[in-house]
């Protein structure tokens, strides 16, 4: 996935507003995790379930919880910013609900 600088900056700002600094995060290949054991692998991109290769590592359960990709939003800066906020909040809520089911 190609990330435009403006999109990454929008993500950094929206996550900073939520108290998380992602400015030094990177996209890493899943290959480095294949020899580790995982209870869950959760894909979150809207089309990941259909278009991403399967994670073939040691996984207890694979889940897909799809969300819109805010980097694909088109419109004013305010609209794009609001899309990042909306998706951030949807991910937070969905993962919170998921966590409640396993704890």
N, C-alpha and C. Protein backbone atom coordinates (compact mmCIF):
# COMPACT_ATOMS: atom_id res chain seq x y z
N UNK A 1 0.84 -1.16 0.00
CA UNK A 1 0.00 0.00 0.00
C UNK A 1 0.90 1.24 0.00
N UNK A 2 0.68 2.13 -0.93
CA UNK A 2 1.46 3.36 -1.01
C UNK A 2 0.79 4.42 -0.13
N UNK A 3 1.57 5.00 0.76
CA UNK A 3 1.05 6.01 1.67
C UNK A 3 1.61 7.37 1.28
N UNK A 4 0.70 8.30 1.03
CA UNK A 4 1.12 9.67 0.73
C UNK A 4 1.50 10.36 2.03
N UNK A 5 2.44 11.26 1.98
CA UNK A 5 2.91 11.94 3.19
C UNK A 5 1.77 12.62 3.93
N UNK A 6 0.88 13.28 3.23
CA UNK A 6 -0.23 13.98 3.88
C UNK A 6 -1.11 13.00 4.64
N UNK A 7 -1.33 11.84 4.09
CA UNK A 7 -2.15 10.84 4.75
C UNK A 7 -1.49 10.38 6.04
N UNK A 8 -0.20 10.13 6.00
CA UNK A 8 0.50 9.70 7.21
C UNK A 8 0.46 10.80 8.26
N UNK A 9 0.60 12.03 7.84
CA UNK A 9 0.53 13.14 8.79
C UNK A 9 -0.86 13.27 9.39
N UNK A 10 -1.91 13.03 8.60
CA UNK A 10 -3.27 13.04 9.15
C UNK A 10 -3.42 11.95 10.20
N UNK A 11 -2.91 10.77 9.90
CA UNK A 11 -2.99 9.66 10.86
C UNK A 11 -2.23 9.99 12.14
N UNK A 12 -1.05 10.55 12.00
CA UNK A 12 -0.25 10.93 13.17
C UNK A 12 -1.03 11.91 14.05
N UNK A 13 -1.62 12.91 13.43
CA UNK A 13 -2.35 13.94 14.18
C UNK A 13 -3.56 13.35 14.90
N UNK A 14 -4.34 12.54 14.20
CA UNK A 14 -5.54 11.96 14.80
C UNK A 14 -5.19 11.01 15.94
N UNK A 15 -4.14 10.24 15.77
CA UNK A 15 -3.74 9.33 16.85
C UNK A 15 -3.11 10.10 18.01
N UNK A 16 -2.39 11.16 17.72
CA UNK A 16 -1.83 12.01 18.79
C UNK A 16 -2.97 12.59 19.63
N UNK A 17 -4.05 13.00 18.96
CA UNK A 17 -5.22 13.52 19.68
C UNK A 17 -5.81 12.48 20.63
N UNK A 18 -5.61 11.21 20.32
CA UNK A 18 -6.10 10.11 21.17
C UNK A 18 -5.04 9.66 22.18
N UNK A 19 -3.90 10.36 22.22
CA UNK A 19 -2.87 10.05 23.20
C UNK A 19 -1.84 9.03 22.75
N UNK A 20 -1.76 8.77 21.44
CA UNK A 20 -0.79 7.79 20.92
C UNK A 20 0.13 8.45 19.91
N UNK A 21 1.42 8.22 20.07
CA UNK A 21 2.40 8.75 19.12
C UNK A 21 2.80 7.64 18.16
N UNK A 22 2.34 7.75 16.91
CA UNK A 22 2.69 6.75 15.90
C UNK A 22 3.68 7.30 14.88
N UNK A 23 4.29 8.43 15.19
CA UNK A 23 5.15 9.10 14.22
C UNK A 23 6.37 8.28 13.82
N UNK A 24 6.78 7.34 14.64
CA UNK A 24 7.95 6.52 14.31
C UNK A 24 7.58 5.09 13.92
N UNK A 25 6.28 4.83 13.74
CA UNK A 25 5.85 3.50 13.34
C UNK A 25 6.22 3.23 11.88
N UNK A 26 6.42 1.97 11.58
CA UNK A 26 6.76 1.57 10.21
C UNK A 26 5.87 0.41 9.78
N UNK A 27 5.79 0.20 8.50
CA UNK A 27 5.11 -0.98 7.95
C UNK A 27 6.16 -2.05 7.74
N UNK A 28 6.03 -3.14 8.46
CA UNK A 28 7.02 -4.22 8.38
C UNK A 28 6.42 -5.44 7.69
N UNK A 29 7.25 -6.21 7.08
CA UNK A 29 6.81 -7.44 6.46
C UNK A 29 6.39 -8.45 7.53
N UNK A 30 5.32 -9.16 7.28
CA UNK A 30 4.87 -10.18 8.24
C UNK A 30 5.83 -11.37 8.28
N UNK A 31 6.71 -11.46 7.31
CA UNK A 31 7.65 -12.58 7.27
C UNK A 31 8.47 -12.71 8.55
N UNK A 32 8.78 -11.57 9.17
CA UNK A 32 9.59 -11.62 10.38
C UNK A 32 8.84 -12.21 11.58
N UNK A 33 7.53 -12.41 11.44
CA UNK A 33 6.72 -12.95 12.54
C UNK A 33 6.28 -14.40 12.32
N UNK A 34 6.68 -14.99 11.22
CA UNK A 34 6.19 -16.32 10.87
C UNK A 34 6.62 -17.40 11.85
N UNK A 35 7.74 -17.24 12.52
CA UNK A 35 8.22 -18.27 13.45
C UNK A 35 7.71 -18.08 14.87
N UNK A 36 6.89 -17.06 15.09
CA UNK A 36 6.34 -16.81 16.41
C UNK A 36 4.93 -17.37 16.48
N UNK A 37 4.48 -17.66 17.70
CA UNK A 37 3.11 -18.13 17.91
C UNK A 37 2.22 -16.97 18.30
N UNK A 38 1.02 -16.94 17.72
CA UNK A 38 0.07 -15.87 17.98
C UNK A 38 -1.28 -16.46 18.37
N UNK A 39 -1.91 -15.88 19.37
CA UNK A 39 -3.27 -16.30 19.72
C UNK A 39 -4.25 -15.86 18.63
N UNK A 40 -4.06 -14.63 18.15
CA UNK A 40 -4.95 -14.06 17.15
C UNK A 40 -4.13 -13.29 16.11
N UNK A 41 -4.60 -13.33 14.87
CA UNK A 41 -4.16 -12.41 13.84
C UNK A 41 -5.44 -11.75 13.33
N UNK A 42 -5.46 -10.43 13.43
CA UNK A 42 -6.66 -9.67 13.06
C UNK A 42 -6.30 -8.71 11.94
N UNK A 43 -6.96 -8.87 10.80
CA UNK A 43 -6.78 -7.92 9.71
C UNK A 43 -7.89 -6.87 9.83
N UNK A 44 -7.54 -5.63 9.52
CA UNK A 44 -8.50 -4.55 9.70
C UNK A 44 -8.78 -3.75 8.43
N UNK A 45 -7.98 -3.90 7.39
CA UNK A 45 -8.23 -3.17 6.14
C UNK A 45 -9.51 -3.69 5.50
N UNK A 46 -10.26 -2.79 4.91
CA UNK A 46 -11.53 -3.17 4.31
C UNK A 46 -11.43 -4.32 3.34
N UNK A 47 -10.44 -4.31 2.46
CA UNK A 47 -10.30 -5.36 1.46
C UNK A 47 -9.29 -6.41 1.81
N UNK A 48 -8.74 -6.38 3.03
CA UNK A 48 -7.66 -7.31 3.40
C UNK A 48 -8.10 -8.76 3.35
N UNK A 49 -9.33 -9.02 3.70
CA UNK A 49 -9.80 -10.40 3.72
C UNK A 49 -9.79 -11.01 2.32
N UNK A 50 -10.01 -10.16 1.32
CA UNK A 50 -10.06 -10.64 -0.05
C UNK A 50 -8.73 -10.50 -0.79
N UNK A 51 -7.95 -9.48 -0.45
CA UNK A 51 -6.79 -9.17 -1.28
C UNK A 51 -5.43 -9.42 -0.63
N UNK A 52 -5.37 -9.53 0.67
CA UNK A 52 -4.07 -9.74 1.32
C UNK A 52 -3.73 -11.22 1.38
N UNK A 53 -2.47 -11.56 1.26
CA UNK A 53 -2.09 -12.96 1.38
C UNK A 53 -2.34 -13.45 2.81
N UNK A 54 -2.62 -14.73 2.94
CA UNK A 54 -2.89 -15.31 4.25
C UNK A 54 -1.62 -15.32 5.08
N UNK A 55 -1.78 -15.07 6.36
CA UNK A 55 -0.66 -15.18 7.30
C UNK A 55 -0.51 -16.66 7.62
N UNK A 56 0.64 -17.24 7.28
CA UNK A 56 0.80 -18.68 7.42
C UNK A 56 1.58 -19.08 8.67
N UNK A 57 1.74 -18.14 9.59
CA UNK A 57 2.42 -18.43 10.84
C UNK A 57 1.55 -19.27 11.77
N UNK A 58 2.05 -19.49 12.96
CA UNK A 58 1.33 -20.27 13.98
C UNK A 58 0.30 -19.38 14.64
N UNK A 59 -0.97 -19.58 14.26
CA UNK A 59 -2.04 -18.70 14.72
C UNK A 59 -3.17 -19.54 15.30
N UNK A 60 -3.61 -19.13 16.50
CA UNK A 60 -4.76 -19.79 17.11
C UNK A 60 -6.04 -19.49 16.34
N UNK A 61 -6.31 -18.21 16.11
CA UNK A 61 -7.52 -17.79 15.40
C UNK A 61 -7.21 -16.62 14.48
N UNK A 62 -7.78 -16.68 13.29
CA UNK A 62 -7.67 -15.58 12.34
C UNK A 62 -9.02 -14.88 12.28
N UNK A 63 -8.98 -13.56 12.37
CA UNK A 63 -10.21 -12.77 12.31
C UNK A 63 -10.03 -11.63 11.32
N UNK A 64 -11.12 -11.25 10.71
CA UNK A 64 -11.11 -10.06 9.85
C UNK A 64 -12.20 -9.13 10.34
N UNK A 65 -11.81 -7.90 10.69
CA UNK A 65 -12.75 -6.87 11.08
C UNK A 65 -12.44 -5.69 10.16
N UNK A 66 -13.17 -5.56 9.08
CA UNK A 66 -12.84 -4.59 8.05
C UNK A 66 -13.32 -3.17 8.34
N UNK A 67 -12.52 -2.21 7.93
CA UNK A 67 -12.83 -0.79 8.07
C UNK A 67 -12.49 -0.08 6.78
N UNK A 68 -13.15 1.05 6.56
CA UNK A 68 -12.80 1.89 5.43
C UNK A 68 -11.37 2.38 5.59
N UNK A 69 -10.71 2.65 4.48
CA UNK A 69 -9.35 3.20 4.51
C UNK A 69 -9.47 4.72 4.39
N UNK A 70 -9.21 5.45 5.48
CA UNK A 70 -9.39 6.90 5.41
C UNK A 70 -8.43 7.59 4.44
N UNK A 71 -7.35 6.92 4.07
CA UNK A 71 -6.43 7.54 3.10
C UNK A 71 -7.05 7.60 1.71
N UNK A 72 -8.15 6.90 1.50
CA UNK A 72 -8.84 6.95 0.22
C UNK A 72 -9.92 8.03 0.17
N UNK A 73 -10.13 8.73 1.29
CA UNK A 73 -11.15 9.78 1.33
C UNK A 73 -10.76 10.92 0.40
N UNK A 74 -11.76 11.49 -0.24
CA UNK A 74 -11.54 12.63 -1.12
C UNK A 74 -12.48 13.75 -0.68
N UNK A 75 -11.96 14.95 -0.68
CA UNK A 75 -12.77 16.10 -0.29
C UNK A 75 -11.91 17.14 0.37
N UNK A 76 -12.55 17.97 1.18
CA UNK A 76 -11.83 19.04 1.86
C UNK A 76 -10.93 18.45 2.94
N UNK A 77 -9.99 19.25 3.41
CA UNK A 77 -9.12 18.82 4.50
C UNK A 77 -9.94 18.45 5.73
N UNK A 78 -10.99 19.21 6.00
CA UNK A 78 -11.85 18.93 7.15
C UNK A 78 -12.54 17.58 7.01
N UNK A 79 -13.03 17.28 5.80
CA UNK A 79 -13.70 15.99 5.58
C UNK A 79 -12.71 14.84 5.74
N UNK A 80 -11.54 14.98 5.14
CA UNK A 80 -10.53 13.92 5.25
C UNK A 80 -10.15 13.70 6.71
N UNK A 81 -9.95 14.79 7.44
CA UNK A 81 -9.62 14.68 8.86
C UNK A 81 -10.74 13.96 9.61
N UNK A 82 -11.97 14.29 9.30
CA UNK A 82 -13.11 13.66 9.98
C UNK A 82 -13.18 12.16 9.66
N UNK A 83 -12.76 11.77 8.46
CA UNK A 83 -12.75 10.35 8.10
C UNK A 83 -11.71 9.60 8.94
N UNK A 84 -10.55 10.20 9.14
CA UNK A 84 -9.54 9.56 9.99
C UNK A 84 -10.06 9.41 11.42
N UNK A 85 -10.73 10.42 11.92
CA UNK A 85 -11.31 10.34 13.27
C UNK A 85 -12.37 9.25 13.32
N UNK A 86 -13.26 9.22 12.33
CA UNK A 86 -14.34 8.22 12.31
C UNK A 86 -13.78 6.81 12.32
N UNK A 87 -12.81 6.54 11.45
CA UNK A 87 -12.25 5.19 11.36
C UNK A 87 -11.47 4.84 12.62
N UNK A 88 -10.71 5.79 13.15
CA UNK A 88 -9.99 5.56 14.41
C UNK A 88 -10.98 5.14 15.50
N UNK A 89 -12.09 5.86 15.61
CA UNK A 89 -13.08 5.55 16.64
C UNK A 89 -13.77 4.22 16.39
N UNK A 90 -14.03 3.89 15.14
CA UNK A 90 -14.65 2.59 14.81
C UNK A 90 -13.71 1.44 15.18
N UNK A 91 -12.41 1.59 14.88
CA UNK A 91 -11.44 0.55 15.23
C UNK A 91 -11.37 0.39 16.74
N UNK A 92 -11.30 1.49 17.45
CA UNK A 92 -11.25 1.44 18.91
C UNK A 92 -12.46 0.71 19.48
N UNK A 93 -13.64 1.05 19.00
CA UNK A 93 -14.86 0.42 19.50
C UNK A 93 -14.91 -1.06 19.16
N UNK A 94 -14.56 -1.41 17.94
CA UNK A 94 -14.63 -2.82 17.52
C UNK A 94 -13.63 -3.67 18.30
N UNK A 95 -12.43 -3.16 18.50
CA UNK A 95 -11.43 -3.94 19.24
C UNK A 95 -11.78 -4.01 20.73
N UNK A 96 -12.40 -2.96 21.25
CA UNK A 96 -12.88 -3.01 22.63
C UNK A 96 -13.96 -4.09 22.78
N UNK A 97 -14.90 -4.13 21.84
CA UNK A 97 -15.95 -5.16 21.87
C UNK A 97 -15.35 -6.55 21.73
N UNK A 98 -14.37 -6.71 20.85
CA UNK A 98 -13.70 -7.98 20.69
C UNK A 98 -13.02 -8.39 22.00
N UNK A 99 -12.31 -7.46 22.62
CA UNK A 99 -11.62 -7.74 23.86
C UNK A 99 -12.58 -8.21 24.94
N UNK A 100 -13.76 -7.61 25.00
CA UNK A 100 -14.75 -8.01 26.00
C UNK A 100 -15.19 -9.46 25.80
N UNK A 101 -15.16 -9.94 24.56
CA UNK A 101 -15.60 -11.32 24.31
C UNK A 101 -14.55 -12.36 24.69
N UNK A 102 -13.30 -11.94 24.79
CA UNK A 102 -12.24 -12.91 25.10
C UNK A 102 -11.72 -12.81 26.51
N UNK A 103 -12.15 -11.79 27.25
CA UNK A 103 -11.64 -11.65 28.61
C UNK A 103 -12.63 -12.11 29.65
